[in-house]
Amino acid sequence: MTTAKRILAALSIVSALLGLGSLSTGTARADSSDDDAEYVSLLRSHGLKVRSVEQARAGGLAVCEALEAGQSIDHVTTEVMQSNAATWDEARIAVIDASVVYCPGQV
C-alpha cells in the first residue's frame, strides 16, 4: 500500500474518534498511554465524542503521519472533514489536538 493510501486509510479512523457516524511515525510520540489519555481529554474538552482510546490514538497518529509527510494542516483538516462528514471546526480541533499531543511542532 502506498504512503498516500495508508495515510488516507488511517485518516478514516478519525470518524470513530469524532463520533460522527462515524499512526507509528518518525517523530510522533507513539508509546505513551499518558499521551493517549491527554489526547482523549483534549478532544472531549473541545466537545468531541471519543468512542475508544485505541481509535482516537490511531486517528491522532494518522494525522501526525500526514503532517510529517509534508501535508499542510489545511490539507489534513480537509481530508479529515471530507472522509468523516465532520465540520471544518471539528476536523481542525482533531488535527490540532493530535499535533499538540503526538507530534509537537508540526503545526
Protein backbone atom coordinates (compact mmCIF):
# COMPACT_ATOMS: atom_id res chain seq x y z
CA MET A 1 0.00 0.00 0.00
CA THR A 2 1.40 3.40 -0.91
CA THR A 3 2.10 6.04 1.73
CA ALA A 4 -0.76 8.19 0.47
CA LYS A 5 -3.20 5.27 0.66
CA ARG A 6 -2.01 4.38 4.17
CA ILE A 7 -2.46 7.97 5.30
CA LEU A 8 -5.94 8.21 3.80
CA ALA A 9 -6.93 4.86 5.29
CA ALA A 10 -5.66 5.89 8.68
CA LEU A 11 -7.39 9.26 8.47
CA SER A 12 -10.70 7.47 8.00
CA ILE A 13 -10.27 6.15 11.53
CA VAL A 14 -10.90 9.69 12.73
CA SER A 15 -14.60 9.12 12.13
CA ALA A 16 -14.72 6.91 15.18
CA LEU A 17 -12.63 9.43 17.06
CA LEU A 18 -15.06 12.24 16.22
CA GLY A 19 -18.15 10.13 16.88
CA LEU A 20 -19.76 11.30 13.63
CA GLY A 21 -21.40 8.17 12.29
CA SER A 22 -18.51 7.94 12.29
CA LEU A 23 -0.18 6.02 13.19
CA SER A 24 3.88 4.74 14.28
CA THR A 25 5.57 7.74 12.82
CA GLY A 26 9.00 9.33 12.70
CA THR A 27 8.78 11.94 15.43
CA ALA A 28 5.31 11.26 16.82
CA ARG A 29 5.32 10.28 20.46
CA ALA A 30 3.70 6.91 19.93
CA ASP A 31 4.38 4.91 23.06
CA SER A 32 2.72 6.61 25.99
CA SER A 33 -0.68 5.80 27.43
CA ASP A 34 -0.38 9.19 29.17
CA ASP A 35 -0.33 10.80 25.71
CA ASP A 36 -3.42 8.83 24.73
CA ALA A 37 -5.26 9.95 27.85
CA GLU A 38 -4.20 13.54 27.21
CA TYR A 39 -5.42 13.39 23.61
CA VAL A 40 -8.80 11.93 24.59
CA SER A 41 -9.14 14.51 27.35
CA LEU A 42 -8.39 17.35 24.91
CA LEU A 43 -10.88 16.06 22.36
CA ARG A 44 -13.60 15.70 24.98
CA SER A 45 -12.84 19.15 26.44
CA HIS A 46 -13.49 20.52 22.94
CA GLY A 47 -16.85 18.76 22.75
CA LEU A 48 -15.85 15.84 20.53
CA LYS A 49 -17.06 12.33 21.31
CA VAL A 50 -14.48 9.58 21.66
CA ARG A 51 -15.69 6.03 21.23
CA SER A 52 -12.42 4.31 22.07
CA VAL A 53 -8.95 5.31 23.15
CA GLU A 54 -7.42 2.94 20.61
CA GLN A 55 -9.32 4.51 17.70
CA ALA A 56 -8.54 8.00 18.95
CA ARG A 57 -4.85 7.12 19.16
CA ALA A 58 -4.83 5.63 15.65
CA GLY A 59 -6.56 8.70 14.25
CA GLY A 60 -4.22 11.08 16.06
CA LEU A 61 -1.13 9.23 14.87
CA ALA A 62 -2.51 9.19 11.31
CA VAL A 63 -2.85 12.95 11.45
CA CYS A 64 0.78 13.23 12.55
CA GLU A 65 1.91 10.85 9.82
CA ALA A 66 0.22 13.07 7.23
CA LEU A 67 1.72 16.24 8.70
CA GLU A 68 5.18 14.67 8.91
CA ALA A 69 4.83 13.56 5.28
CA GLY A 70 4.60 17.23 4.37
CA GLN A 71 0.88 17.72 4.03
CA SER A 72 -0.35 21.12 5.19
CA ILE A 73 -2.63 21.50 8.20
CA ASP A 74 -5.35 22.75 5.84
CA HIS A 75 -4.99 19.70 3.60
CA VAL A 76 -5.09 17.29 6.54
CA THR A 77 -8.08 19.12 8.03
CA THR A 78 -9.90 18.91 4.70
CA GLU A 79 -9.14 15.17 4.42
CA VAL A 80 -10.44 14.54 7.95
CA MET A 81 -13.53 16.67 7.28
CA GLN A 82 -14.39 15.01 3.96
CA SER A 83 -13.72 11.44 4.99
CA ASN A 84 -15.77 11.78 8.16
CA ALA A 85 -18.62 14.14 7.31
CA ALA A 86 -17.21 16.39 10.01
CA THR A 87 -17.44 20.15 10.12
CA TRP A 88 -14.30 22.15 9.43
CA ASP A 89 -14.11 23.12 13.11
CA GLU A 90 -14.43 19.52 14.33
CA ALA A 91 -11.77 18.30 11.92
CA ARG A 92 -9.44 21.20 12.77
CA ILE A 93 -9.82 20.51 16.51
CA ALA A 94 -8.90 16.84 15.99
CA VAL A 95 -5.88 17.80 13.86
CA ILE A 96 -4.59 20.46 16.26
CA ASP A 97 -5.15 18.28 19.33
CA ALA A 98 -3.27 15.42 17.65
CA SER A 99 -0.40 17.74 16.84
CA VAL A 100 -0.22 19.07 20.37
CA VAL A 101 -0.06 15.60 21.90
CA TYR A 102 1.58 13.29 19.37
CA CYS A 103 3.73 15.50 17.14
CA PRO A 104 4.51 18.82 18.78
CA GLY A 105 5.96 21.35 16.41
CA GLN A 106 4.18 20.02 13.32
CA VAL A 107 1.56 22.77 13.34
